[in-house]
């Protein structure tokens, strides 16, 4: 049984990498579409179009299970996603529409611009009232 496992080790590793890339591509597409839905009004049309286009291309690559295209379009979507984050943070810093994300000096939607918010600033998980849950009493 150990010999059989060793013989299949390389194939198993390759299959795991393939499945991980597909799952990561699905997650990236979901995140990009969700961010567009929630913050589309803060993003310039050209960047929004680039993200939408890359999402569609990546979905097709996943559907066809073309690993080379999945890698290429994942990289392209990551780059477009970065532009989208920067545009969203820039709109907020310039007094644009305010949404759930408060960009800060670090850039990006989870920066330090909202120290009392859910993503930072409060020790103990952002629980300003100090109330303890039933397990912490």
Protein backbone atom coordinates (compact mmCIF):
# COMPACT_ATOMS: atom_id res chain seq x y z
CA UNK A 1 0.00 0.00 0.00
CA UNK A 2 2.88 2.38 0.74
CA UNK A 3 4.45 1.59 -2.61
CA UNK A 4 1.18 2.45 -4.33
CA UNK A 5 0.96 5.74 -2.40
CA UNK A 6 4.52 6.66 -3.38
CA UNK A 7 3.82 5.80 -7.00
CA UNK A 8 0.79 8.12 -7.04
CA UNK A 9 2.35 10.91 -4.97
CA UNK A 10 3.32 13.11 -7.92
CA UNK A 11 -0.06 12.71 -9.62
CA UNK A 12 -1.87 13.46 -6.36
CA UNK A 13 0.22 16.59 -5.83
CA UNK A 14 -0.46 17.80 -9.37
CA UNK A 15 -4.20 17.19 -8.96
CA UNK A 16 -4.24 19.06 -5.64
CA UNK A 17 -2.49 22.05 -7.25
CA UNK A 18 -4.99 21.99 -10.12
CA UNK A 19 -7.97 21.93 -7.78
CA UNK A 20 -6.45 24.68 -5.59
CA UNK A 21 -5.96 26.95 -8.62
CA UNK A 22 -9.55 26.40 -9.73
CA UNK A 23 -10.87 27.09 -6.22
CA UNK A 24 -8.74 30.22 -5.91
CA UNK A 25 -10.00 31.45 -9.28
CA UNK A 26 -13.60 30.91 -8.18
CA UNK A 27 -12.98 32.77 -4.92
CA UNK A 28 -11.25 35.65 -6.69
CA UNK A 29 -14.11 36.01 -9.15
CA UNK A 30 -16.65 35.99 -6.33
CA UNK A 31 -14.72 38.63 -4.36
CA UNK A 32 -14.32 40.89 -7.38
CA UNK A 33 -18.00 40.69 -8.29
CA UNK A 34 -19.06 41.32 -4.70
CA UNK A 35 -16.77 44.34 -4.41
CA UNK A 36 -18.10 45.72 -7.70
CA UNK A 37 -21.68 45.27 -6.54
CA UNK A 38 -21.05 47.02 -3.23
CA UNK A 39 -18.69 49.77 -4.45
CA UNK A 40 -19.30 50.12 -8.18
CA UNK A 41 -20.31 53.77 -7.86
CA UNK A 42 -16.83 54.66 -6.55
CA UNK A 43 -14.91 53.01 -9.38
CA UNK A 44 -14.16 54.61 -12.77
CA UNK A 45 -15.89 52.95 -15.73
CA UNK A 46 -12.65 51.86 -17.40
CA UNK A 47 -11.44 49.99 -14.30
CA UNK A 48 -14.88 48.54 -13.69
CA UNK A 49 -14.99 47.27 -17.28
CA UNK A 50 -11.53 45.76 -16.95
CA UNK A 51 -12.54 43.88 -13.78
CA UNK A 52 -15.80 42.66 -15.33
CA UNK A 53 -14.01 41.51 -18.47
CA UNK A 54 -11.35 39.63 -16.51
CA UNK A 55 -14.03 38.04 -14.32
CA UNK A 56 -15.83 36.74 -17.40
CA UNK A 57 -12.62 35.45 -18.99
CA UNK A 58 -11.63 33.72 -15.75
CA UNK A 59 -15.05 32.10 -15.42
CA UNK A 60 -14.74 30.70 -18.93
CA UNK A 61 -11.23 29.41 -18.21
CA UNK A 62 -12.51 27.66 -15.07
CA UNK A 63 -15.43 26.19 -16.99
CA UNK A 64 -13.08 24.76 -19.62
CA UNK A 65 -10.49 23.84 -16.94
CA UNK A 66 -7.72 25.43 -19.02
CA UNK A 67 -4.97 25.83 -16.43
CA UNK A 68 -2.82 28.20 -18.49
CA UNK A 69 -5.78 30.56 -18.99
CA UNK A 70 -6.77 30.26 -15.34
CA UNK A 71 -3.31 31.42 -14.29
CA UNK A 72 -3.19 34.21 -16.88
CA UNK A 73 -6.67 35.58 -16.12
CA UNK A 74 -6.21 35.20 -12.35
CA UNK A 75 -3.10 37.37 -12.59
CA UNK A 76 -4.91 39.89 -14.79
CA UNK A 77 -7.90 40.00 -12.42
CA UNK A 78 -5.59 40.45 -9.41
CA UNK A 79 -3.97 43.45 -11.11
CA UNK A 80 -7.35 44.92 -12.03
CA UNK A 81 -8.58 44.25 -8.49
CA UNK A 82 -5.64 46.26 -7.13
CA UNK A 83 -6.56 49.19 -9.39
CA UNK A 84 -10.17 48.89 -8.23
CA UNK A 85 -9.16 49.03 -4.55
CA UNK A 86 -6.95 52.04 -5.15
CA UNK A 87 -9.71 53.84 -7.05
CA UNK A 88 -12.21 53.10 -4.30
CA UNK A 89 -9.84 54.29 -1.57
CA UNK A 90 -9.00 57.38 -3.60
CA UNK A 91 -12.67 58.27 -4.02
CA UNK A 92 -13.21 58.02 -0.27
CA UNK A 93 -10.16 60.12 0.57
CA UNK A 94 -11.33 62.84 -1.84
CA UNK A 95 -14.70 63.08 -0.13
CA UNK A 96 -16.51 60.71 -2.45
CA UNK A 97 -19.42 58.52 -1.44
CA UNK A 98 -18.86 56.78 1.86
CA UNK A 99 -19.43 53.06 2.12
CA UNK A 100 -18.62 50.25 4.49
CA UNK A 101 -14.91 50.41 3.68
CA UNK A 102 -12.83 53.20 5.14
CA UNK A 103 -9.50 53.40 3.35
CA UNK A 104 -6.57 54.65 5.32
CA UNK A 105 -2.98 55.64 4.88
CA UNK A 106 -2.07 52.03 4.16
CA UNK A 107 -4.36 52.08 1.12
CA UNK A 108 -6.96 49.47 0.40
CA UNK A 109 -10.38 49.03 1.90
CA UNK A 110 -9.22 47.71 5.27
CA UNK A 111 -6.66 50.40 6.00
CA UNK A 112 -6.42 52.34 9.21
CA UNK A 113 -8.90 55.08 8.27
CA UNK A 114 -11.52 53.84 10.71
CA UNK A 115 -9.76 52.88 13.95
CA UNK A 116 -13.00 52.23 15.80
CA UNK A 117 -14.42 50.09 13.01
CA UNK A 118 -14.66 46.35 12.78
CA UNK A 119 -11.20 45.90 11.24
CA UNK A 120 -8.95 47.52 13.76
CA UNK A 121 -8.20 50.00 16.45
CA UNK A 122 -9.98 48.28 19.32
CA UNK A 123 -8.06 45.78 21.43
CA UNK A 124 -9.92 42.58 22.12
CA UNK A 125 -11.55 42.32 18.70
CA UNK A 126 -13.12 45.76 18.48
CA UNK A 127 -15.46 45.39 21.45
CA UNK A 128 -15.57 48.98 22.72
CA UNK A 129 -18.16 48.33 25.46
CA UNK A 130 -16.10 45.63 27.08
CA UNK A 131 -19.07 43.32 27.26
CA UNK A 132 -18.08 39.75 27.60
CA UNK A 133 -19.83 36.91 25.90
CA UNK A 134 -21.18 33.96 27.87
CA UNK A 135 -17.92 32.03 27.43
CA UNK A 136 -15.75 34.87 28.71
CA UNK A 137 -17.40 35.53 32.08
